[in-house]
């Protein structure tokens, strides 16, 4: 029982990060109808910026803040310089460009920083606190939960309650009508890319210290898990991304704890395949009315 409780708490902690990363994928999908396969590489690039700033100043929090700003700027630049000029006549075009961007970013990071793993520090202890003799959350886990909760709540409030959020939703679902009503659709699209990249950078800063460390490929497996979470919840559903992230986190924790970590990639792929076969739109996708 103690093991089950520990694995559950650990899975929820990791799933919260997957939820944030999946939410970044959903943001771009809703804004541009593109799955950004470069999201992981962009997040690692922002994490390397944080590493450089922290190494130069000795301040973790300064590096943490700079990483988020770097993520926001990188997302805006990728949209304006790269994705805005891609021909979207074929849905494969942006996918191919995003994969090329992955190779470019990882190659540049390897040339500048090298391909060895670099240690990533945490602002709080990762030693689990015990309650009734059972190891549960660590102070760092509590920090992760609180940070992801604030981000998800903030995004939900922005999209539902602010004029900017309403304009972003309108630009995503009815761009031509939005232009006629005076909405800067291009600006809203860039803002969506920037927000998604910023959230991805935040997720990288939270998850990389729990892995082997900072590396140009540090977010590859995290991207696979987050993409699975987004598909499980539905690419059009932000709440689904959060639920999907928690589900994937729990699945990986249970499989790793009871069957071995070697089976975790297989478990993610099996879950992804099962959802695509049973409900391709995701568990939270709206059900379309059947036509006779």
C-alpha atoms as a PDB file:
ATOM      1  CA  UNK A   1       0.000   0.000   0.000  1.00  0.00           C
ATOM      2  CA  UNK A   2       2.846   2.379   0.864  1.00  0.00           C
ATOM      3  CA  UNK A   3       4.392   1.733  -2.535  1.00  0.00           C
ATOM      4  CA  UNK A   4       1.099   2.407  -4.298  1.00  0.00           C
ATOM      5  CA  UNK A   5       0.647   5.729  -2.479  1.00  0.00           C
ATOM      6  CA  UNK A   6       4.198   6.798  -3.327  1.00  0.00           C
ATOM      7  CA  UNK A   7       3.809   5.858  -6.990  1.00  0.00           C
ATOM      8  CA  UNK A   8       0.475   7.669  -7.174  1.00  0.00           C
ATOM      9  CA  UNK A   9       1.880  10.885  -5.745  1.00  0.00           C
ATOM     10  CA  UNK A  10       4.992  10.644  -7.928  1.00  0.00           C
ATOM     11  CA  UNK A  11       2.831  10.021 -10.994  1.00  0.00           C
ATOM     12  CA  UNK A  12       0.636  13.028 -10.272  1.00  0.00           C
ATOM     13  CA  UNK A  13       3.714  15.227  -9.833  1.00  0.00           C
ATOM     14  CA  UNK A  14       5.206  14.103 -13.128  1.00  0.00           C
ATOM     15  CA  UNK A  15       1.791  14.200 -14.782  1.00  0.00           C
ATOM     16  CA  UNK A  16       1.391  17.852 -13.825  1.00  0.00           C
ATOM     17  CA  UNK A  17       4.463  18.678 -15.934  1.00  0.00           C
ATOM     18  CA  UNK A  18       3.162  16.572 -18.819  1.00  0.00           C
ATOM     19  CA  UNK A  19      -0.124  18.446 -18.493  1.00  0.00           C
ATOM     20  CA  UNK A  20       1.629  21.801 -18.849  1.00  0.00           C
ATOM     21  CA  UNK A  21       3.570  20.625 -21.889  1.00  0.00           C
ATOM     22  CA  UNK A  22       0.444  19.097 -23.436  1.00  0.00           C
ATOM     23  CA  UNK A  23      -1.333  22.389 -22.820  1.00  0.00           C
ATOM     24  CA  UNK A  24       1.389  24.135 -24.836  1.00  0.00           C
ATOM     25  CA  UNK A  25       0.712  21.764 -27.748  1.00  0.00           C
ATOM     26  CA  UNK A  26      -3.026  22.403 -27.456  1.00  0.00           C
ATOM     27  CA  UNK A  27      -2.503  26.175 -27.482  1.00  0.00           C
ATOM     28  CA  UNK A  28      -0.675  26.051 -30.805  1.00  0.00           C
ATOM     29  CA  UNK A  29      -3.121  23.548 -32.275  1.00  0.00           C
ATOM     30  CA  UNK A  30      -6.089  25.728 -31.385  1.00  0.00           C
ATOM     31  CA  UNK A  31      -4.362  28.849 -32.725  1.00  0.00           C
ATOM     32  CA  UNK A  32      -2.781  27.524 -35.939  1.00  0.00           C
ATOM     33  CA  UNK A  33      -4.078  23.942 -36.406  1.00  0.00           C
ATOM     34  CA  UNK A  34      -0.452  22.773 -36.284  1.00  0.00           C
ATOM     35  CA  UNK A  35       1.152  20.156 -34.038  1.00  0.00           C
ATOM     36  CA  UNK A  36       4.449  21.782 -33.098  1.00  0.00           C
ATOM     37  CA  UNK A  37       6.915  18.893 -33.115  1.00  0.00           C
ATOM     38  CA  UNK A  38       9.664  21.414 -32.342  1.00  0.00           C
ATOM     39  CA  UNK A  39       8.118  22.229 -28.953  1.00  0.00           C
ATOM     40  CA  UNK A  40      10.555  20.026 -27.033  1.00  0.00           C
ATOM     41  CA  UNK A  41      13.655  21.397 -28.747  1.00  0.00           C
ATOM     42  CA  UNK A  42      12.460  24.971 -28.241  1.00  0.00           C
ATOM     43  CA  UNK A  43      11.905  24.268 -24.534  1.00  0.00           C
ATOM     44  CA  UNK A  44      15.421  22.830 -24.194  1.00  0.00           C
ATOM     45  CA  UNK A  45      16.865  25.916 -25.889  1.00  0.00           C
ATOM     46  CA  UNK A  46      15.156  28.106 -23.281  1.00  0.00           C
ATOM     47  CA  UNK A  47      16.471  25.843 -20.512  1.00  0.00           C
ATOM     48  CA  UNK A  48      20.021  26.272 -21.835  1.00  0.00           C
ATOM     49  CA  UNK A  49      19.552  30.041 -21.696  1.00  0.00           C
ATOM     50  CA  UNK A  50      18.545  29.636 -18.053  1.00  0.00           C
ATOM     51  CA  UNK A  51      21.627  27.462 -17.448  1.00  0.00           C
ATOM     52  CA  UNK A  52      23.897  30.153 -18.887  1.00  0.00           C
ATOM     53  CA  UNK A  53      22.272  32.933 -16.864  1.00  0.00           C
ATOM     54  CA  UNK A  54      22.325  30.938 -13.615  1.00  0.00           C
ATOM     55  CA  UNK A  55      25.968  29.943 -14.164  1.00  0.00           C
ATOM     56  CA  UNK A  56      26.929  33.564 -14.780  1.00  0.00           C
ATOM     57  CA  UNK A  57      24.940  35.108 -11.913  1.00  0.00           C
ATOM     58  CA  UNK A  58      24.606  32.267  -9.416  1.00  0.00           C
ATOM     59  CA  UNK A  59      20.853  32.902  -9.191  1.00  0.00           C
ATOM     60  CA  UNK A  60      18.447  30.066  -9.960  1.00  0.00           C
ATOM     61  CA  UNK A  61      15.410  32.327  -9.942  1.00  0.00           C
ATOM     62  CA  UNK A  62      16.921  34.799 -12.391  1.00  0.00           C
ATOM     63  CA  UNK A  63      17.659  31.917 -14.755  1.00  0.00           C
ATOM     64  CA  UNK A  64      14.132  30.574 -14.219  1.00  0.00           C
ATOM     65  CA  UNK A  65      12.558  33.888 -15.174  1.00  0.00           C
ATOM     66  CA  UNK A  66      14.872  34.390 -18.146  1.00  0.00           C
ATOM     67  CA  UNK A  67      13.984  30.899 -19.442  1.00  0.00           C
ATOM     68  CA  UNK A  68      10.287  31.783 -19.580  1.00  0.00           C
ATOM     69  CA  UNK A  69      11.028  35.097 -21.305  1.00  0.00           C
ATOM     70  CA  UNK A  70      13.324  33.298 -23.756  1.00  0.00           C
ATOM     71  CA  UNK A  71      10.566  30.795 -24.453  1.00  0.00           C
ATOM     72  CA  UNK A  72       8.071  33.576 -25.159  1.00  0.00           C
ATOM     73  CA  UNK A  73      10.480  35.330 -27.532  1.00  0.00           C
ATOM     74  CA  UNK A  74      11.508  32.107 -29.275  1.00  0.00           C
ATOM     75  CA  UNK A  75       7.884  31.178 -29.911  1.00  0.00           C
ATOM     76  CA  UNK A  76       7.158  34.586 -31.435  1.00  0.00           C
ATOM     77  CA  UNK A  77      10.285  34.421 -33.614  1.00  0.00           C
ATOM     78  CA  UNK A  78       9.502  30.902 -34.848  1.00  0.00           C
ATOM     79  CA  UNK A  79       6.015  32.007 -35.857  1.00  0.00           C
ATOM     80  CA  UNK A  80       7.081  35.234 -37.554  1.00  0.00           C
ATOM     81  CA  UNK A  81      10.270  34.008 -39.230  1.00  0.00           C
ATOM     82  CA  UNK A  82       9.493  30.363 -39.990  1.00  0.00           C
ATOM     83  CA  UNK A  83       5.924  29.138 -39.661  1.00  0.00           C
ATOM     84  CA  UNK A  84       4.247  32.233 -41.078  1.00  0.00           C
ATOM     85  CA  UNK A  85       5.934  31.543 -44.437  1.00  0.00           C
ATOM     86  CA  UNK A  86       5.069  27.827 -44.645  1.00  0.00           C
ATOM     87  CA  UNK A  87       2.517  26.790 -47.252  1.00  0.00           C
ATOM     88  CA  UNK A  88      -0.356  25.215 -45.311  1.00  0.00           C
ATOM     89  CA  UNK A  89      -2.011  23.752 -48.399  1.00  0.00           C
ATOM     90  CA  UNK A  90      -0.734  20.365 -47.248  1.00  0.00           C
ATOM     91  CA  UNK A  91      -0.878  19.494 -43.517  1.00  0.00           C
ATOM     92  CA  UNK A  92       2.498  17.757 -43.875  1.00  0.00           C
ATOM     93  CA  UNK A  93       4.341  20.973 -44.734  1.00  0.00           C
ATOM     94  CA  UNK A  94       4.389  22.493 -41.219  1.00  0.00           C
ATOM     95  CA  UNK A  95       5.187  19.072 -39.753  1.00  0.00           C
ATOM     96  CA  UNK A  96       8.250  18.703 -41.982  1.00  0.00           C
ATOM     97  CA  UNK A  97       9.370  22.257 -41.214  1.00  0.00           C
ATOM     98  CA  UNK A  98       8.944  21.641 -37.460  1.00  0.00           C
ATOM     99  CA  UNK A  99      11.010  18.447 -37.642  1.00  0.00           C
ATOM    100  CA  UNK A 100      13.704  20.343 -39.532  1.00  0.00           C
ATOM    101  CA  UNK A 101      13.625  22.997 -36.825  1.00  0.00           C
ATOM    102  CA  UNK A 102      14.169  20.260 -34.226  1.00  0.00           C
ATOM    103  CA  UNK A 103      17.319  19.091 -35.994  1.00  0.00           C
ATOM    104  CA  UNK A 104      18.577  22.658 -36.357  1.00  0.00           C
ATOM    105  CA  UNK A 105      18.022  23.630 -32.713  1.00  0.00           C
ATOM    106  CA  UNK A 106      19.531  20.426 -31.347  1.00  0.00           C
ATOM    107  CA  UNK A 107      22.552  20.726 -33.649  1.00  0.00           C
ATOM    108  CA  UNK A 108      23.196  24.332 -32.592  1.00  0.00           C
ATOM    109  CA  UNK A 109      22.827  23.454 -28.897  1.00  0.00           C
ATOM    110  CA  UNK A 110      25.247  20.551 -29.346  1.00  0.00           C
ATOM    111  CA  UNK A 111      27.820  22.773 -31.025  1.00  0.00           C
ATOM    112  CA  UNK A 112      27.547  25.537 -28.414  1.00  0.00           C
ATOM    113  CA  UNK A 113      27.147  23.552 -25.198  1.00  0.00           C
ATOM    114  CA  UNK A 114      28.330  20.066 -26.132  1.00  0.00           C
ATOM    115  CA  UNK A 115      26.439  16.795 -25.939  1.00  0.00           C
ATOM    116  CA  UNK A 116      27.255  15.824 -22.360  1.00  0.00           C
ATOM    117  CA  UNK A 117      24.615  15.915 -19.632  1.00  0.00           C
ATOM    118  CA  UNK A 118      24.827  18.995 -17.433  1.00  0.00           C
ATOM    119  CA  UNK A 119      23.424  18.975 -13.895  1.00  0.00           C
ATOM    120  CA  UNK A 120      20.232  20.954 -13.375  1.00  0.00           C
ATOM    121  CA  UNK A 121      19.588  22.298  -9.899  1.00  0.00           C
ATOM    122  CA  UNK A 122      16.281  22.620  -8.099  1.00  0.00           C
ATOM    123  CA  UNK A 123      15.236  25.477  -5.797  1.00  0.00           C
ATOM    124  CA  UNK A 124      13.837  23.085  -3.190  1.00  0.00           C
ATOM    125  CA  UNK A 125      14.749  19.686  -1.808  1.00  0.00           C
ATOM    126  CA  UNK A 126      13.631  16.580  -3.691  1.00  0.00           C
ATOM    127  CA  UNK A 127      13.652  14.453  -0.544  1.00  0.00           C
ATOM    128  CA  UNK A 128      10.135  13.151   0.024  1.00  0.00           C
ATOM    129  CA  UNK A 129       8.267  14.191   3.148  1.00  0.00           C
ATOM    130  CA  UNK A 130       6.792  11.353   5.204  1.00  0.00           C
ATOM    131  CA  UNK A 131       3.232  11.283   6.482  1.00  0.00           C
ATOM    132  CA  UNK A 132       2.380   8.406   8.792  1.00  0.00           C
ATOM    133  CA  UNK A 133       5.569   6.639   7.779  1.00  0.00           C
ATOM    134  CA  UNK A 134       4.685   6.876   4.062  1.00  0.00           C
ATOM    135  CA  UNK A 135       6.880   8.896   1.716  1.00  0.00           C
ATOM    136  CA  UNK A 136       4.698  11.317  -0.220  1.00  0.00           C
ATOM    137  CA  UNK A 137       5.472  14.691  -1.761  1.00  0.00           C
ATOM    138  CA  UNK A 138       8.810  16.470  -1.649  1.00  0.00           C
ATOM    139  CA  UNK A 139       9.071  20.261  -1.321  1.00  0.00           C
ATOM    140  CA  UNK A 140      10.004  20.362  -5.011  1.00  0.00           C
ATOM    141  CA  UNK A 141       6.870  18.362  -5.907  1.00  0.00           C
ATOM    142  CA  UNK A 142       4.770  20.907  -4.024  1.00  0.00           C
ATOM    143  CA  UNK A 143       6.500  23.676  -5.974  1.00  0.00           C
ATOM    144  CA  UNK A 144       5.720  21.889  -9.255  1.00  0.00           C
ATOM    145  CA  UNK A 145       2.039  21.428  -8.339  1.00  0.00           C
ATOM    146  CA  UNK A 146       1.684  25.049  -7.255  1.00  0.00           C
ATOM    147  CA  UNK A 147       3.421  26.409 -10.367  1.00  0.00           C
ATOM    148  CA  UNK A 148       1.396  24.298 -12.804  1.00  0.00           C
ATOM    149  CA  UNK A 149      -1.815  25.133 -10.947  1.00  0.00           C
ATOM    150  CA  UNK A 150      -1.132  28.860 -11.243  1.00  0.00           C
ATOM    151  CA  UNK A 151      -0.285  28.577 -14.965  1.00  0.00           C
ATOM    152  CA  UNK A 152      -3.345  26.483 -15.840  1.00  0.00           C
ATOM    153  CA  UNK A 153      -5.669  28.707 -13.814  1.00  0.00           C
ATOM    154  CA  UNK A 154      -4.142  31.832 -15.332  1.00  0.00           C
ATOM    155  CA  UNK A 155      -4.557  30.576 -18.884  1.00  0.00           C
ATOM    156  CA  UNK A 156      -8.125  29.457 -18.194  1.00  0.00           C
ATOM    157  CA  UNK A 157      -8.963  32.880 -16.769  1.00  0.00           C
ATOM    158  CA  UNK A 158      -7.297  34.664 -19.688  1.00  0.00           C
ATOM    159  CA  UNK A 159      -9.173  32.707 -22.354  1.00  0.00           C
ATOM    160  CA  UNK A 160     -12.534  32.943 -20.606  1.00  0.00           C
ATOM    161  CA  UNK A 161     -12.513  36.378 -18.969  1.00  0.00           C
ATOM    162  CA  UNK A 162     -10.210  38.772 -20.830  1.00  0.00           C
ATOM    163  CA  UNK A 163     -10.650  40.568 -24.180  1.00  0.00           C
ATOM    164  CA  UNK A 164      -7.288  39.235 -25.379  1.00  0.00           C
ATOM    165  CA  UNK A 165      -8.350  35.667 -24.678  1.00  0.00           C
ATOM    166  CA  UNK A 166     -11.645  36.153 -26.478  1.00  0.00           C
ATOM    167  CA  UNK A 167      -9.850  37.629 -29.501  1.00  0.00           C
ATOM    168  CA  UNK A 168      -7.427  34.687 -29.550  1.00  0.00           C
ATOM    169  CA  UNK A 169     -10.322  32.216 -29.522  1.00  0.00           C
ATOM    170  CA  UNK A 170     -12.137  34.125 -32.243  1.00  0.00           C
ATOM    171  CA  UNK A 171      -9.014  34.337 -34.409  1.00  0.00           C
ATOM    172  CA  UNK A 172      -8.471  30.589 -34.060  1.00  0.00           C
ATOM    173  CA  UNK A 173     -12.012  29.446 -34.891  1.00  0.00           C
ATOM    174  CA  UNK A 174     -13.162  32.131 -37.349  1.00  0.00           C
ATOM    175  CA  UNK A 175     -10.148  34.052 -38.702  1.00  0.00           C
ATOM    176  CA  UNK A 176     -11.906  35.636 -41.682  1.00  0.00           C
ATOM    177  CA  UNK A 177     -14.828  36.900 -39.633  1.00  0.00           C
ATOM    178  CA  UNK A 178     -12.406  38.119 -36.957  1.00  0.00           C
ATOM    179  CA  UNK A 179     -10.485  40.153 -39.546  1.00  0.00           C
ATOM    180  CA  UNK A 180     -13.720  41.807 -40.660  1.00  0.00           C
ATOM    181  CA  UNK A 181     -14.402  42.717 -37.039  1.00  0.00           C
ATOM    182  CA  UNK A 182     -10.987  44.356 -36.662  1.00  0.00           C
ATOM    183  CA  UNK A 183      -9.122  41.578 -34.824  1.00  0.00           C
ATOM    184  CA  UNK A 184      -5.398  41.396 -35.567  1.00  0.00           C
ATOM    185  CA  UNK A 185      -5.431  37.695 -36.450  1.00  0.00           C
ATOM    186  CA  UNK A 186      -1.700  37.569 -37.194  1.00  0.00           C
ATOM    187  CA  UNK A 187      -0.885  39.164 -33.854  1.00  0.00           C
ATOM    188  CA  UNK A 188      -3.152  36.747 -32.008  1.00  0.00           C
ATOM    189  CA  UNK A 189      -1.457  33.842 -33.774  1.00  0.00           C
ATOM    190  CA  UNK A 190       1.981  35.096 -32.717  1.00  0.00           C
ATOM    191  CA  UNK A 191       0.732  35.540 -29.167  1.00  0.00           C
ATOM    192  CA  UNK A 192      -0.506  31.942 -29.175  1.00  0.00           C
ATOM    193  CA  UNK A 193       2.907  30.681 -30.311  1.00  0.00           C
ATOM    194  CA  UNK A 194       4.643  32.815 -27.696  1.00  0.00           C
ATOM    195  CA  UNK A 195       2.404  31.613 -24.851  1.00  0.00           C
ATOM    196  CA  UNK A 196       2.782  27.979 -25.884  1.00  0.00           C
ATOM    197  CA  UNK A 197       6.559  28.271 -26.084  1.00  0.00           C
ATOM    198  CA  UNK A 198       6.682  30.036 -22.723  1.00  0.00           C
ATOM    199  CA  UNK A 199       4.628  27.273 -21.084  1.00  0.00           C
ATOM    200  CA  UNK A 200       6.888  24.688 -22.738  1.00  0.00           C
ATOM    201  CA  UNK A 201       9.971  26.432 -21.347  1.00  0.00           C
ATOM    202  CA  UNK A 202       8.386  26.405 -17.882  1.00  0.00           C
ATOM    203  CA  UNK A 203       7.676  22.680 -18.186  1.00  0.00           C
ATOM    204  CA  UNK A 204      11.286  22.046 -19.231  1.00  0.00           C
ATOM    205  CA  UNK A 205      12.603  23.938 -16.217  1.00  0.00           C
ATOM    206  CA  UNK A 206      10.404  21.809 -13.958  1.00  0.00           C
ATOM    207  CA  UNK A 207      11.041  18.364 -15.457  1.00  0.00           C
ATOM    208  CA  UNK A 208      14.708  18.425 -16.553  1.00  0.00           C
ATOM    209  CA  UNK A 209      16.057  18.445 -12.951  1.00  0.00           C
ATOM    210  CA  UNK A 210      14.099  15.226 -12.298  1.00  0.00           C
ATOM    211  CA  UNK A 211      15.710  13.476 -15.289  1.00  0.00           C
ATOM    212  CA  UNK A 212      19.375  12.862 -16.141  1.00  0.00           C
ATOM    213  CA  UNK A 213      20.061  16.574 -16.573  1.00  0.00           C
ATOM    214  CA  UNK A 214      20.318  19.165 -19.308  1.00  0.00           C
ATOM    215  CA  UNK A 215      21.073  17.810 -22.784  1.00  0.00           C
ATOM    216  CA  UNK A 216      20.059  18.801 -26.330  1.00  0.00           C
ATOM    217  CA  UNK A 217      17.730  15.775 -26.408  1.00  0.00           C
ATOM    218  CA  UNK A 218      16.531  16.123 -22.802  1.00  0.00           C
ATOM    219  CA  UNK A 219      12.892  16.750 -23.762  1.00  0.00           C
ATOM    220  CA  UNK A 220      12.490  14.109 -26.484  1.00  0.00           C
ATOM    221  CA  UNK A 221      10.770  11.498 -24.314  1.00  0.00           C
ATOM    222  CA  UNK A 222       8.888  14.200 -22.428  1.00  0.00           C
ATOM    223  CA  UNK A 223       7.502  15.437 -25.740  1.00  0.00           C
ATOM    224  CA  UNK A 224       6.286  11.929 -26.620  1.00  0.00           C
ATOM    225  CA  UNK A 225       4.530  11.644 -23.260  1.00  0.00           C
ATOM    226  CA  UNK A 226       3.046  15.143 -23.510  1.00  0.00           C
ATOM    227  CA  UNK A 227       1.887  14.543 -27.084  1.00  0.00           C
ATOM    228  CA  UNK A 228       0.193  11.359 -25.912  1.00  0.00           C
ATOM    229  CA  UNK A 229      -1.444  13.333 -23.095  1.00  0.00           C
ATOM    230  CA  UNK A 230      -2.728  15.929 -25.570  1.00  0.00           C
ATOM    231  CA  UNK A 231      -4.145  13.213 -27.852  1.00  0.00           C
ATOM    232  CA  UNK A 232      -5.728  11.386 -24.908  1.00  0.00           C
ATOM    233  CA  UNK A 233      -7.514  14.531 -23.748  1.00  0.00           C
ATOM    234  CA  UNK A 234      -8.152  15.945 -27.207  1.00  0.00           C
ATOM    235  CA  UNK A 235      -6.056  18.494 -29.095  1.00  0.00           C
ATOM    236  CA  UNK A 236      -8.945  20.974 -28.986  1.00  0.00           C
ATOM    237  CA  UNK A 237      -9.502  20.656 -25.234  1.00  0.00           C
ATOM    238  CA  UNK A 238      -7.283  22.479 -22.687  1.00  0.00           C
ATOM    239  CA  UNK A 239      -8.980  20.682 -19.755  1.00  0.00           C
ATOM    240  CA  UNK A 240      -8.434  17.422 -21.634  1.00  0.00           C
ATOM    241  CA  UNK A 241      -4.712  18.191 -21.882  1.00  0.00           C
ATOM    242  CA  UNK A 242      -4.534  18.579 -18.105  1.00  0.00           C
ATOM    243  CA  UNK A 243      -6.431  15.350 -17.453  1.00  0.00           C
ATOM    244  CA  UNK A 244      -4.437  13.537 -20.132  1.00  0.00           C
ATOM    245  CA  UNK A 245      -1.170  14.676 -18.569  1.00  0.00           C
ATOM    246  CA  UNK A 246      -2.185  13.327 -15.165  1.00  0.00           C
ATOM    247  CA  UNK A 247      -3.307  10.028 -16.723  1.00  0.00           C
ATOM    248  CA  UNK A 248      -0.007   9.605 -18.571  1.00  0.00           C
ATOM    249  CA  UNK A 249       1.964  10.514 -15.453  1.00  0.00           C
ATOM    250  CA  UNK A 250       0.124   7.915 -13.374  1.00  0.00           C
ATOM    251  CA  UNK A 251       0.512   5.276 -16.086  1.00  0.00           C
ATOM    252  CA  UNK A 252       4.269   5.810 -16.363  1.00  0.00           C
ATOM    253  CA  UNK A 253       4.688   5.796 -12.589  1.00  0.00           C
ATOM    254  CA  UNK A 254       2.751   2.536 -12.115  1.00  0.00           C
ATOM    255  CA  UNK A 255       4.449   0.776 -15.032  1.00  0.00           C
ATOM    256  CA  UNK A 256       7.904   1.912 -13.889  1.00  0.00           C
ATOM    257  CA  UNK A 257       7.223   0.960 -10.272  1.00  0.00           C
ATOM    258  CA  UNK A 258       5.635  -2.447 -10.849  1.00  0.00           C
ATOM    259  CA  UNK A 259       6.971  -3.639 -14.213  1.00  0.00           C
ATOM    260  CA  UNK A 260      10.242  -1.767 -14.710  1.00  0.00           C
ATOM    261  CA  UNK A 261      11.265   1.486 -16.371  1.00  0.00           C
ATOM    262  CA  UNK A 262      12.205  -0.295 -19.611  1.00  0.00           C
ATOM    263  CA  UNK A 263       8.503  -0.774 -20.364  1.00  0.00           C
ATOM    264  CA  UNK A 264       7.429   2.844 -19.908  1.00  0.00           C
ATOM    265  CA  UNK A 265       7.960   3.901 -23.573  1.00  0.00           C
ATOM    266  CA  UNK A 266       5.933   0.885 -24.693  1.00  0.00           C
ATOM    267  CA  UNK A 267       3.149   1.756 -22.234  1.00  0.00           C
ATOM    268  CA  UNK A 268       2.898   5.287 -23.649  1.00  0.00           C
ATOM    269  CA  UNK A 269       2.691   3.999 -27.220  1.00  0.00           C
ATOM    270  CA  UNK A 270       0.043   1.412 -26.284  1.00  0.00           C
ATOM    271  CA  UNK A 271      -2.060   4.126 -24.624  1.00  0.00           C
ATOM    272  CA  UNK A 272      -1.672   6.390 -27.662  1.00  0.00           C
ATOM    273  CA  UNK A 273      -2.675   3.594 -30.030  1.00  0.00           C
ATOM    274  CA  UNK A 274      -5.672   2.605 -27.898  1.00  0.00           C
ATOM    275  CA  UNK A 275      -7.034   6.165 -27.812  1.00  0.00           C
ATOM    276  CA  UNK A 276      -6.515   6.639 -31.554  1.00  0.00           C
ATOM    277  CA  UNK A 277      -8.402   3.411 -32.255  1.00  0.00           C
ATOM    278  CA  UNK A 278     -11.279   3.941 -29.821  1.00  0.00           C
ATOM    279  CA  UNK A 279     -11.718   7.723 -29.824  1.00  0.00           C
ATOM    280  CA  UNK A 280      -9.392   9.467 -32.300  1.00  0.00           C
ATOM    281  CA  UNK A 281     -10.540  12.943 -31.302  1.00  0.00           C
ATOM    282  CA  UNK A 282      -9.605  12.385 -27.657  1.00  0.00           C
ATOM    283  CA  UNK A 283     -11.637  11.639 -24.568  1.00  0.00           C
ATOM    284  CA  UNK A 284     -12.790  15.253 -24.187  1.00  0.00           C
ATOM    285  CA  UNK A 285     -13.519  15.911 -27.864  1.00  0.00           C
ATOM    286  CA  UNK A 286     -17.078  17.011 -28.623  1.00  0.00           C
ATOM    287  CA  UNK A 287     -19.238  14.308 -30.114  1.00  0.00           C
ATOM    288  CA  UNK A 288     -20.316  15.180 -33.642  1.00  0.00           C
ATOM    289  CA  UNK A 289     -23.924  14.650 -34.551  1.00  0.00           C
ATOM    290  CA  UNK A 290     -24.499  11.737 -36.902  1.00  0.00           C
ATOM    291  CA  UNK A 291     -26.010  12.567 -40.271  1.00  0.00           C
ATOM    292  CA  UNK A 292     -28.235  10.249 -42.205  1.00  0.00           C
END
